[in-house]
């Protein structure tokens, strides 16, 4: 919700290979971001801090297995569930909106 930014803290619950640029812009100075970083299935939950120079990684909180933020089919909709991309050796988990 960019119209309510800046935020003091943001928690992301799907894996991204890196922090999406819009999230950095929505954090206020000194804001904290917790996000799984990785391909989905083999991730690290990291804590980051917004500084004047940008985001600074504070620490790795834990290894984790999150679904990927990217779907196999970019045309996914509520009628057609998102199928996360498969990560080698990790079974895909479907996202089924309620």
PDB file of N, CA and C in Angstrom:
ATOM      1  N   UNK A   1       0.835  -1.171   0.000  1.00  0.00           N
ATOM      2  CA  UNK A   1       0.000   0.000   0.000  1.00  0.00           C
ATOM      3  C   UNK A   1       0.886   1.243   0.000  1.00  0.00           C
ATOM      4  N   UNK A   2       1.410   1.593  -1.154  1.00  0.00           N
ATOM      5  CA  UNK A   2       2.315   2.740  -1.241  1.00  0.00           C
ATOM      6  C   UNK A   2       1.712   4.047  -0.751  1.00  0.00           C
ATOM      7  N   UNK A   3       0.385   4.181  -0.827  1.00  0.00           N
ATOM      8  CA  UNK A   3      -0.242   5.435  -0.412  1.00  0.00           C
ATOM      9  C   UNK A   3      -0.162   5.655   1.096  1.00  0.00           C
ATOM     10  N   UNK A   4       0.180   4.628   1.855  1.00  0.00           N
ATOM     11  CA  UNK A   4       0.308   4.766   3.311  1.00  0.00           C
ATOM     12  C   UNK A   4       1.760   4.778   3.782  1.00  0.00           C
ATOM     13  N   UNK A   5       2.685   4.716   2.859  1.00  0.00           N
ATOM     14  CA  UNK A   5       4.114   4.716   3.189  1.00  0.00           C
ATOM     15  C   UNK A   5       4.530   6.103   3.696  1.00  0.00           C
ATOM     16  N   UNK A   6       5.583   6.238   4.414  1.00  0.00           N
ATOM     17  CA  UNK A   6       6.592   5.224   4.707  1.00  0.00           C
ATOM     18  C   UNK A   6       6.210   4.373   5.923  1.00  0.00           C
ATOM     19  N   UNK A   7       6.696   3.139   5.897  1.00  0.00           N
ATOM     20  CA  UNK A   7       6.429   2.188   6.972  1.00  0.00           C
ATOM     21  C   UNK A   7       7.643   2.056   7.883  1.00  0.00           C
ATOM     22  N   UNK A   8       7.370   1.733   9.145  1.00  0.00           N
ATOM     23  CA  UNK A   8       8.439   1.465  10.108  1.00  0.00           C
ATOM     24  C   UNK A   8       8.959   0.041   9.958  1.00  0.00           C
ATOM     25  N   UNK A   9       8.084  -0.864   9.505  1.00  0.00           N
ATOM     26  CA  UNK A   9       8.473  -2.269   9.361  1.00  0.00           C
ATOM     27  C   UNK A   9       7.611  -2.937   8.299  1.00  0.00           C
ATOM     28  N   UNK A  10       8.221  -3.889   7.585  1.00  0.00           N
ATOM     29  CA  UNK A  10       7.520  -4.680   6.580  1.00  0.00           C
ATOM     30  C   UNK A  10       7.957  -6.133   6.746  1.00  0.00           C
ATOM     31  N   UNK A  11       6.993  -7.052   6.713  1.00  0.00           N
ATOM     32  CA  UNK A  11       7.282  -8.482   6.740  1.00  0.00           C
ATOM     33  C   UNK A  11       6.780  -9.071   5.428  1.00  0.00           C
ATOM     34  N   UNK A  12       7.643  -9.771   4.723  1.00  0.00           N
ATOM     35  CA  UNK A  12       7.305 -10.399   3.446  1.00  0.00           C
ATOM     36  C   UNK A  12       7.195 -11.900   3.685  1.00  0.00           C
ATOM     37  N   UNK A  13       6.153 -12.531   3.148  1.00  0.00           N
ATOM     38  CA  UNK A  13       5.935 -13.950   3.419  1.00  0.00           C
ATOM     39  C   UNK A  13       6.032 -14.840   2.182  1.00  0.00           C
ATOM     40  N   UNK A  14       6.743 -14.400   1.160  1.00  0.00           N
ATOM     41  CA  UNK A  14       7.056 -15.224   0.000  1.00  0.00           C
ATOM     42  C   UNK A  14       8.489 -14.912  -0.406  1.00  0.00           C
ATOM     43  N   UNK A  15       9.180 -15.922  -0.899  1.00  0.00           N
ATOM     44  CA  UNK A  15      10.594 -15.750  -1.238  1.00  0.00           C
ATOM     45  C   UNK A  15      10.773 -14.946  -2.522  1.00  0.00           C
ATOM     46  N   UNK A  16      11.728 -14.060  -2.490  1.00  0.00           N
ATOM     47  CA  UNK A  16      12.176 -13.303  -3.661  1.00  0.00           C
ATOM     48  C   UNK A  16      13.680 -13.531  -3.786  1.00  0.00           C
ATOM     49  N   UNK A  17      14.221 -13.564  -4.993  1.00  0.00           N
ATOM     50  CA  UNK A  17      15.671 -13.704  -5.132  1.00  0.00           C
ATOM     51  C   UNK A  17      16.418 -12.515  -4.517  1.00  0.00           C
ATOM     52  N   UNK A  18      15.770 -11.352  -4.488  1.00  0.00           N
ATOM     53  CA  UNK A  18      16.334 -10.155  -3.865  1.00  0.00           C
ATOM     54  C   UNK A  18      15.170  -9.285  -3.397  1.00  0.00           C
ATOM     55  N   UNK A  19      15.478  -8.252  -2.647  1.00  0.00           N
ATOM     56  CA  UNK A  19      14.421  -7.368  -2.143  1.00  0.00           C
ATOM     57  C   UNK A  19      13.857  -6.553  -3.308  1.00  0.00           C
ATOM     58  N   UNK A  20      12.537  -6.591  -3.522  1.00  0.00           N
ATOM     59  CA  UNK A  20      11.944  -5.769  -4.585  1.00  0.00           C
ATOM     60  C   UNK A  20      12.150  -4.279  -4.303  1.00  0.00           C
ATOM     61  N   UNK A  21      12.563  -3.546  -5.309  1.00  0.00           N
ATOM     62  CA  UNK A  21      12.853  -2.112  -5.162  1.00  0.00           C
ATOM     63  C   UNK A  21      11.690  -1.320  -4.561  1.00  0.00           C
ATOM     64  N   UNK A  22      10.426  -1.596  -4.935  1.00  0.00           N
ATOM     65  CA  UNK A  22       9.336  -0.817  -4.332  1.00  0.00           C
ATOM     66  C   UNK A  22       9.266  -0.931  -2.810  1.00  0.00           C
ATOM     67  N   UNK A  23       9.661  -2.078  -2.257  1.00  0.00           N
ATOM     68  CA  UNK A  23       9.635  -2.215  -0.796  1.00  0.00           C
ATOM     69  C   UNK A  23      10.646  -1.294  -0.137  1.00  0.00           C
ATOM     70  N   UNK A  24      11.802  -1.150  -0.747  1.00  0.00           N
ATOM     71  CA  UNK A  24      12.813  -0.245  -0.203  1.00  0.00           C
ATOM     72  C   UNK A  24      12.276   1.177  -0.151  1.00  0.00           C
ATOM     73  N   UNK A  25      11.586   1.593  -1.212  1.00  0.00           N
ATOM     74  CA  UNK A  25      11.035   2.933  -1.279  1.00  0.00           C
ATOM     75  C   UNK A  25       9.907   3.189  -0.297  1.00  0.00           C
ATOM     76  N   UNK A  26       9.253   2.119   0.159  1.00  0.00           N
ATOM     77  CA  UNK A  26       8.135   2.277   1.088  1.00  0.00           C
ATOM     78  C   UNK A  26       8.562   2.252   2.548  1.00  0.00           C
ATOM     79  N   UNK A  27       9.818   1.907   2.817  1.00  0.00           N
ATOM     80  CA  UNK A  27      10.323   1.914   4.191  1.00  0.00           C
ATOM     81  C   UNK A  27      10.837   3.295   4.556  1.00  0.00           C
ATOM     82  N   UNK A  28      10.495   3.743   5.748  1.00  0.00           N
ATOM     83  CA  UNK A  28      11.028   5.003   6.241  1.00  0.00           C
ATOM     84  C   UNK A  28      12.457   4.822   6.706  1.00  0.00           C
ATOM     85  N   UNK A  29      13.164   5.918   6.918  1.00  0.00           N
ATOM     86  CA  UNK A  29      14.524   5.857   7.432  1.00  0.00           C
ATOM     87  C   UNK A  29      14.527   5.134   8.770  1.00  0.00           C
ATOM     88  N   UNK A  30      15.393   4.160   8.926  1.00  0.00           N
ATOM     89  CA  UNK A  30      15.420   3.346  10.140  1.00  0.00           C
ATOM     90  C   UNK A  30      14.411   2.213  10.126  1.00  0.00           C
ATOM     91  N   UNK A  31      13.640   2.087   9.034  1.00  0.00           N
ATOM     92  CA  UNK A  31      12.637   1.024   8.924  1.00  0.00           C
ATOM     93  C   UNK A  31      13.288  -0.338   8.785  1.00  0.00           C
ATOM     94  N   UNK A  32      12.582  -1.345   9.241  1.00  0.00           N
ATOM     95  CA  UNK A  32      13.090  -2.710   9.210  1.00  0.00           C
ATOM     96  C   UNK A  32      12.277  -3.554   8.237  1.00  0.00           C
ATOM     97  N   UNK A  33      12.960  -4.480   7.576  1.00  0.00           N
ATOM     98  CA  UNK A  33      12.330  -5.393   6.635  1.00  0.00           C
ATOM     99  C   UNK A  33      12.783  -6.800   6.978  1.00  0.00           C
ATOM    100  N   UNK A  34      11.818  -7.729   7.086  1.00  0.00           N
ATOM    101  CA  UNK A  34      12.119  -9.145   7.281  1.00  0.00           C
ATOM    102  C   UNK A  34      11.547  -9.868   6.081  1.00  0.00           C
ATOM    103  N   UNK A  35      12.422 -10.625   5.388  1.00  0.00           N
ATOM    104  CA  UNK A  35      11.998 -11.257   4.139  1.00  0.00           C
ATOM    105  C   UNK A  35      12.805 -12.524   3.884  1.00  0.00           C
ATOM    106  N   UNK A  36      12.137 -13.576   3.355  1.00  0.00           N
ATOM    107  CA  UNK A  36      12.903 -14.721   2.871  1.00  0.00           C
ATOM    108  C   UNK A  36      13.552 -14.354   1.533  1.00  0.00           C
ATOM    109  N   UNK A  37      14.856 -14.568   1.438  1.00  0.00           N
ATOM    110  CA  UNK A  37      15.589 -14.274   0.211  1.00  0.00           C
ATOM    111  C   UNK A  37      16.112 -15.589  -0.344  1.00  0.00           C
ATOM    112  N   UNK A  38      15.779 -15.847  -1.596  1.00  0.00           N
ATOM    113  CA  UNK A  38      16.216 -17.068  -2.258  1.00  0.00           C
ATOM    114  C   UNK A  38      15.263 -17.422  -3.376  1.00  0.00           C
ATOM    115  N   UNK A  39      15.469 -18.605  -3.970  1.00  0.00           N
ATOM    116  CA  UNK A  39      14.678 -18.998  -5.137  1.00  0.00           C
ATOM    117  C   UNK A  39      13.298 -19.545  -4.793  1.00  0.00           C
ATOM    118  N   UNK A  40      12.998 -19.757  -3.525  1.00  0.00           N
ATOM    119  CA  UNK A  40      11.767 -20.426  -3.112  1.00  0.00           C
ATOM    120  C   UNK A  40      12.092 -21.880  -2.877  1.00  0.00           C
ATOM    121  N   UNK A  41      12.018 -22.313  -1.638  1.00  0.00           N
ATOM    122  CA  UNK A  41      12.330 -23.692  -1.299  1.00  0.00           C
ATOM    123  C   UNK A  41      13.670 -23.855  -0.610  1.00  0.00           C
ATOM    124  N   UNK A  42      14.590 -22.947  -0.814  1.00  0.00           N
ATOM    125  CA  UNK A  42      15.908 -22.981  -0.178  1.00  0.00           C
ATOM    126  C   UNK A  42      16.297 -21.538   0.118  1.00  0.00           C
ATOM    127  N   UNK A  43      15.712 -20.989   1.153  1.00  0.00           N
ATOM    128  CA  UNK A  43      15.810 -19.551   1.379  1.00  0.00           C
ATOM    129  C   UNK A  43      16.464 -19.244   2.718  1.00  0.00           C
ATOM    130  N   UNK A  44      16.775 -17.976   2.911  1.00  0.00           N
ATOM    131  CA  UNK A  44      17.244 -17.468   4.187  1.00  0.00           C
ATOM    132  C   UNK A  44      16.346 -16.301   4.566  1.00  0.00           C
ATOM    133  N   UNK A  45      15.792 -16.354   5.762  1.00  0.00           N
ATOM    134  CA  UNK A  45      15.008 -15.221   6.246  1.00  0.00           C
ATOM    135  C   UNK A  45      16.014 -14.218   6.797  1.00  0.00           C
ATOM    136  N   UNK A  46      15.993 -13.013   6.220  1.00  0.00           N
ATOM    137  CA  UNK A  46      16.970 -12.002   6.601  1.00  0.00           C
ATOM    138  C   UNK A  46      16.277 -10.781   7.199  1.00  0.00           C
ATOM    139  N   UNK A  47      17.012 -10.102   8.033  1.00  0.00           N
ATOM    140  CA  UNK A  47      16.574  -8.848   8.628  1.00  0.00           C
ATOM    141  C   UNK A  47      17.405  -7.743   7.995  1.00  0.00           C
ATOM    142  N   UNK A  48      16.714  -6.709   7.498  1.00  0.00           N
ATOM    143  CA  UNK A  48      17.396  -5.589   6.842  1.00  0.00           C
ATOM    144  C   UNK A  48      16.961  -4.279   7.491  1.00  0.00           C
ATOM    145  N   UNK A  49      17.798  -3.273   7.370  1.00  0.00           N
ATOM    146  CA  UNK A  49      17.538  -1.959   7.936  1.00  0.00           C
ATOM    147  C   UNK A  49      17.669  -0.916   6.836  1.00  0.00           C
ATOM    148  N   UNK A  50      16.715   0.002   6.759  1.00  0.00           N
ATOM    149  CA  UNK A  50      16.778   1.095   5.767  1.00  0.00           C
ATOM    150  C   UNK A  50      17.624   2.211   6.339  1.00  0.00           C
ATOM    151  N   UNK A  51      18.676   2.563   5.622  1.00  0.00           N
ATOM    152  CA  UNK A  51      19.558   3.660   6.012  1.00  0.00           C
ATOM    153  C   UNK A  51      19.513   4.717   4.910  1.00  0.00           C
ATOM    154  N   UNK A  52      20.206   5.812   5.110  1.00  0.00           N
ATOM    155  CA  UNK A  52      20.256   6.857   4.089  1.00  0.00           C
ATOM    156  C   UNK A  52      20.885   6.329   2.799  1.00  0.00           C
ATOM    157  N   UNK A  53      21.757   5.330   2.916  1.00  0.00           N
ATOM    158  CA  UNK A  53      22.439   4.761   1.748  1.00  0.00           C
ATOM    159  C   UNK A  53      21.629   3.643   1.086  1.00  0.00           C
ATOM    160  N   UNK A  54      20.518   3.234   1.675  1.00  0.00           N
ATOM    161  CA  UNK A  54      19.713   2.135   1.125  1.00  0.00           C
ATOM    162  C   UNK A  54      19.498   1.054   2.162  1.00  0.00           C
ATOM    163  N   UNK A  55      19.275  -0.181   1.711  1.00  0.00           N
ATOM    164  CA  UNK A  55      19.061  -1.285   2.640  1.00  0.00           C
ATOM    165  C   UNK A  55      20.386  -1.894   3.076  1.00  0.00           C
ATOM    166  N   UNK A  56      20.488  -2.171   4.358  1.00  0.00           N
ATOM    167  CA  UNK A  56      21.669  -2.817   4.916  1.00  0.00           C
ATOM    168  C   UNK A  56      21.232  -4.122   5.563  1.00  0.00           C
ATOM    169  N   UNK A  57      21.828  -5.238   5.128  1.00  0.00           N
ATOM    170  CA  UNK A  57      21.493  -6.533   5.723  1.00  0.00           C
ATOM    171  C   UNK A  57      22.046  -6.569   7.139  1.00  0.00           C
ATOM    172  N   UNK A  58      21.160  -6.835   8.095  1.00  0.00           N
ATOM    173  CA  UNK A  58      21.582  -6.880   9.493  1.00  0.00           C
ATOM    174  C   UNK A  58      22.045  -8.274   9.864  1.00  0.00           C
ATOM    175  N   UNK A  59      21.211  -9.273   9.542  1.00  0.00           N
ATOM    176  CA  UNK A  59      21.602 -10.645   9.867  1.00  0.00           C
ATOM    177  C   UNK A  59      20.664 -11.640   9.208  1.00  0.00           C
ATOM    178  N   UNK A  60      21.124 -12.869   9.143  1.00  0.00           N
ATOM    179  CA  UNK A  60      20.292 -13.985   8.699  1.00  0.00           C
ATOM    180  C   UNK A  60      19.593 -14.523   9.934  1.00  0.00           C
ATOM    181  N   UNK A  61      18.268 -14.585   9.889  1.00  0.00           N
ATOM    182  CA  UNK A  61      17.508 -15.038  11.050  1.00  0.00           C
ATOM    183  C   UNK A  61      17.393 -16.555  11.110  1.00  0.00           C
ATOM    184  N   UNK A  62      17.136 -17.172   9.933  1.00  0.00           N
ATOM    185  CA  UNK A  62      16.966 -18.627   9.902  1.00  0.00           C
ATOM    186  C   UNK A  62      16.912 -19.116   8.465  1.00  0.00           C
ATOM    187  N   UNK A  63      17.352 -20.355   8.215  1.00  0.00           N
ATOM    188  CA  UNK A  63      17.071 -20.943   6.901  1.00  0.00           C
ATOM    189  C   UNK A  63      15.588 -21.306   6.861  1.00  0.00           C
ATOM    190  N   UNK A  64      15.006 -21.346   5.679  1.00  0.00           N
ATOM    191  CA  UNK A  64      13.563 -21.613   5.592  1.00  0.00           C
ATOM    192  C   UNK A  64      13.191 -22.167   4.227  1.00  0.00           C
ATOM    193  N   UNK A  65      11.969 -22.675   4.142  1.00  0.00           N
ATOM    194  CA  UNK A  65      11.383 -23.144   2.894  1.00  0.00           C
ATOM    195  C   UNK A  65      10.108 -22.363   2.657  1.00  0.00           C
ATOM    196  N   UNK A  66      10.162 -21.369   1.783  1.00  0.00           N
ATOM    197  CA  UNK A  66       8.995 -20.571   1.421  1.00  0.00           C
ATOM    198  C   UNK A  66       8.621 -20.855  -0.022  1.00  0.00           C
ATOM    199  N   UNK A  67       7.364 -20.587  -0.370  1.00  0.00           N
ATOM    200  CA  UNK A  67       6.991 -20.665  -1.776  1.00  0.00           C
ATOM    201  C   UNK A  67       7.621 -19.478  -2.494  1.00  0.00           C
ATOM    202  N   UNK A  68       7.896 -19.670  -3.768  1.00  0.00           N
ATOM    203  CA  UNK A  68       8.466 -18.608  -4.575  1.00  0.00           C
ATOM    204  C   UNK A  68       7.425 -17.527  -4.810  1.00  0.00           C
ATOM    205  N   UNK A  69       7.888 -16.310  -4.999  1.00  0.00           N
ATOM    206  CA  UNK A  69       6.979 -15.210  -5.302  1.00  0.00           C
ATOM    207  C   UNK A  69       6.532 -15.239  -6.749  1.00  0.00           C
ATOM    208  N   UNK A  70       7.211 -16.000  -7.586  1.00  0.00           N
ATOM    209  CA  UNK A  70       6.900 -16.048  -9.014  1.00  0.00           C
ATOM    210  C   UNK A  70       6.115 -17.312  -9.345  1.00  0.00           C
ATOM    211  N   UNK A  71       5.115 -17.163 -10.176  1.00  0.00           N
ATOM    212  CA  UNK A  71       4.295 -18.293 -10.598  1.00  0.00           C
ATOM    213  C   UNK A  71       4.812 -18.861 -11.903  1.00  0.00           C
ATOM    214  N   UNK A  72       4.557 -20.143 -12.120  1.00  0.00           N
ATOM    215  CA  UNK A  72       4.898 -20.744 -13.397  1.00  0.00           C
ATOM    216  C   UNK A  72       4.106 -20.076 -14.514  1.00  0.00           C
ATOM    217  N   UNK A  73       2.849 -19.754 -14.238  1.00  0.00           N
ATOM    218  CA  UNK A  73       1.971 -19.159 -15.234  1.00  0.00           C
ATOM    219  C   UNK A  73       1.669 -17.723 -14.823  1.00  0.00           C
ATOM    220  N   UNK A  74       2.168 -16.771 -15.569  1.00  0.00           N
ATOM    221  CA  UNK A  74       1.993 -15.355 -15.230  1.00  0.00           C
ATOM    222  C   UNK A  74       0.546 -14.898 -15.340  1.00  0.00           C
ATOM    223  N   UNK A  75      -0.325 -15.729 -15.889  1.00  0.00           N
ATOM    224  CA  UNK A  75      -1.731 -15.340 -16.032  1.00  0.00           C
ATOM    225  C   UNK A  75      -2.592 -15.898 -14.906  1.00  0.00           C
ATOM    226  N   UNK A  76      -1.971 -16.320 -13.805  1.00  0.00           N
ATOM    227  CA  UNK A  76      -2.742 -16.877 -12.687  1.00  0.00           C
ATOM    228  C   UNK A  76      -3.766 -15.854 -12.187  1.00  0.00           C
ATOM    229  N   UNK A  77      -4.907 -16.365 -11.766  1.00  0.00           N
ATOM    230  CA  UNK A  77      -5.991 -15.519 -11.267  1.00  0.00           C
ATOM    231  C   UNK A  77      -6.678 -16.265 -10.133  1.00  0.00           C
ATOM    232  N   UNK A  78      -7.611 -15.625  -9.422  1.00  0.00           N
ATOM    233  CA  UNK A  78      -8.322 -16.348  -8.367  1.00  0.00           C
ATOM    234  C   UNK A  78      -9.007 -17.615  -8.874  1.00  0.00           C
ATOM    235  N   UNK A  79      -9.435 -17.612 -10.127  1.00  0.00           N
ATOM    236  CA  UNK A  79     -10.085 -18.802 -10.683  1.00  0.00           C
ATOM    237  C   UNK A  79      -9.068 -19.896 -11.001  1.00  0.00           C
ATOM    238  N   UNK A  80      -7.846 -19.506 -11.328  1.00  0.00           N
ATOM    239  CA  UNK A  80      -6.765 -20.440 -11.642  1.00  0.00           C
ATOM    240  C   UNK A  80      -5.657 -20.230 -10.624  1.00  0.00           C
ATOM    241  N   UNK A  81      -5.456 -21.176  -9.684  1.00  0.00           N
ATOM    242  CA  UNK A  81      -4.445 -20.978  -8.644  1.00  0.00           C
ATOM    243  C   UNK A  81      -3.041 -20.790  -9.216  1.00  0.00           C
ATOM    244  N   UNK A  82      -2.261 -20.028  -8.481  1.00  0.00           N
ATOM    245  CA  UNK A  82      -0.866 -19.811  -8.835  1.00  0.00           C
ATOM    246  C   UNK A  82      -0.091 -21.094  -8.570  1.00  0.00           C
ATOM    247  N   UNK A  83       0.730 -21.501  -9.532  1.00  0.00           N
ATOM    248  CA  UNK A  83       1.601 -22.649  -9.345  1.00  0.00           C
ATOM    249  C   UNK A  83       3.035 -22.132  -9.269  1.00  0.00           C
ATOM    250  N   UNK A  84       3.623 -22.106  -8.047  1.00  0.00           N
ATOM    251  CA  UNK A  84       4.987 -21.583  -7.920  1.00  0.00           C
ATOM    252  C   UNK A  84       5.965 -22.364  -8.784  1.00  0.00           C
ATOM    253  N   UNK A  85       7.002 -21.677  -9.232  1.00  0.00           N
ATOM    254  CA  UNK A  85       8.040 -22.335 -10.014  1.00  0.00           C
ATOM    255  C   UNK A  85       8.691 -23.410  -9.179  1.00  0.00           C
ATOM    256  N   UNK A  86       9.048 -24.494  -9.822  1.00  0.00           N
ATOM    257  CA  UNK A  86       9.705 -25.589  -9.108  1.00  0.00           C
ATOM    258  C   UNK A  86      11.176 -25.263  -8.885  1.00  0.00           C
ATOM    259  N   UNK A  87      11.634 -25.605  -7.704  1.00  0.00           N
ATOM    260  CA  UNK A  87      13.040 -25.485  -7.366  1.00  0.00           C
ATOM    261  C   UNK A  87      13.591 -26.897  -7.352  1.00  0.00           C
ATOM    262  N   UNK A  88      14.735 -27.103  -7.946  1.00  0.00           N
ATOM    263  CA  UNK A  88      15.312 -28.446  -8.050  1.00  0.00           C
ATOM    264  C   UNK A  88      15.314 -29.151  -6.699  1.00  0.00           C
ATOM    265  N   UNK A  89      14.738 -30.334  -6.653  1.00  0.00           N
ATOM    266  CA  UNK A  89      14.723 -31.138  -5.436  1.00  0.00           C
ATOM    267  C   UNK A  89      13.664 -30.749  -4.432  1.00  0.00           C
ATOM    268  N   UNK A  90      12.895 -29.729  -4.697  1.00  0.00           N
ATOM    269  CA  UNK A  90      11.853 -29.283  -3.759  1.00  0.00           C
ATOM    270  C   UNK A  90      10.505 -29.367  -4.454  1.00  0.00           C
ATOM    271  N   UNK A  91       9.551 -30.131  -3.898  1.00  0.00           N
ATOM    272  CA  UNK A  91       8.246 -30.228  -4.556  1.00  0.00           C
ATOM    273  C   UNK A  91       7.524 -28.886  -4.568  1.00  0.00           C
ATOM    274  N   UNK A  92       6.813 -28.629  -5.640  1.00  0.00           N
ATOM    275  CA  UNK A  92       6.043 -27.383  -5.747  1.00  0.00           C
ATOM    276  C   UNK A  92       4.836 -27.454  -4.830  1.00  0.00           C
ATOM    277  N   UNK A  93       4.508 -26.327  -4.215  1.00  0.00           N
ATOM    278  CA  UNK A  93       3.321 -26.222  -3.372  1.00  0.00           C
ATOM    279  C   UNK A  93       2.391 -25.224  -4.019  1.00  0.00           C
ATOM    280  N   UNK A  94       1.155 -25.604  -4.230  1.00  0.00           N
ATOM    281  CA  UNK A  94       0.204 -24.699  -4.876  1.00  0.00           C
ATOM    282  C   UNK A  94      -0.337 -23.659  -3.917  1.00  0.00           C
ATOM    283  N   UNK A  95      -0.623 -22.503  -4.428  1.00  0.00           N
ATOM    284  CA  UNK A  95      -1.268 -21.438  -3.653  1.00  0.00           C
ATOM    285  C   UNK A  95      -2.716 -21.409  -4.076  1.00  0.00           C
ATOM    286  N   UNK A  96      -3.597 -21.582  -3.137  1.00  0.00           N
ATOM    287  CA  UNK A  96      -5.017 -21.639  -3.452  1.00  0.00           C
ATOM    288  C   UNK A  96      -5.746 -20.532  -2.698  1.00  0.00           C
ATOM    289  N   UNK A  97      -6.026 -19.416  -3.347  1.00  0.00           N
ATOM    290  CA  UNK A  97      -6.723 -18.305  -2.652  1.00  0.00           C
ATOM    291  C   UNK A  97      -8.090 -18.738  -2.176  1.00  0.00           C
ATOM    292  N   UNK A  98      -8.467 -18.250  -1.029  1.00  0.00           N
ATOM    293  CA  UNK A  98      -9.775 -18.602  -0.449  1.00  0.00           C
ATOM    294  C   UNK A  98     -10.783 -17.528  -0.744  1.00  0.00           C
TER     295      UNK A  98
END
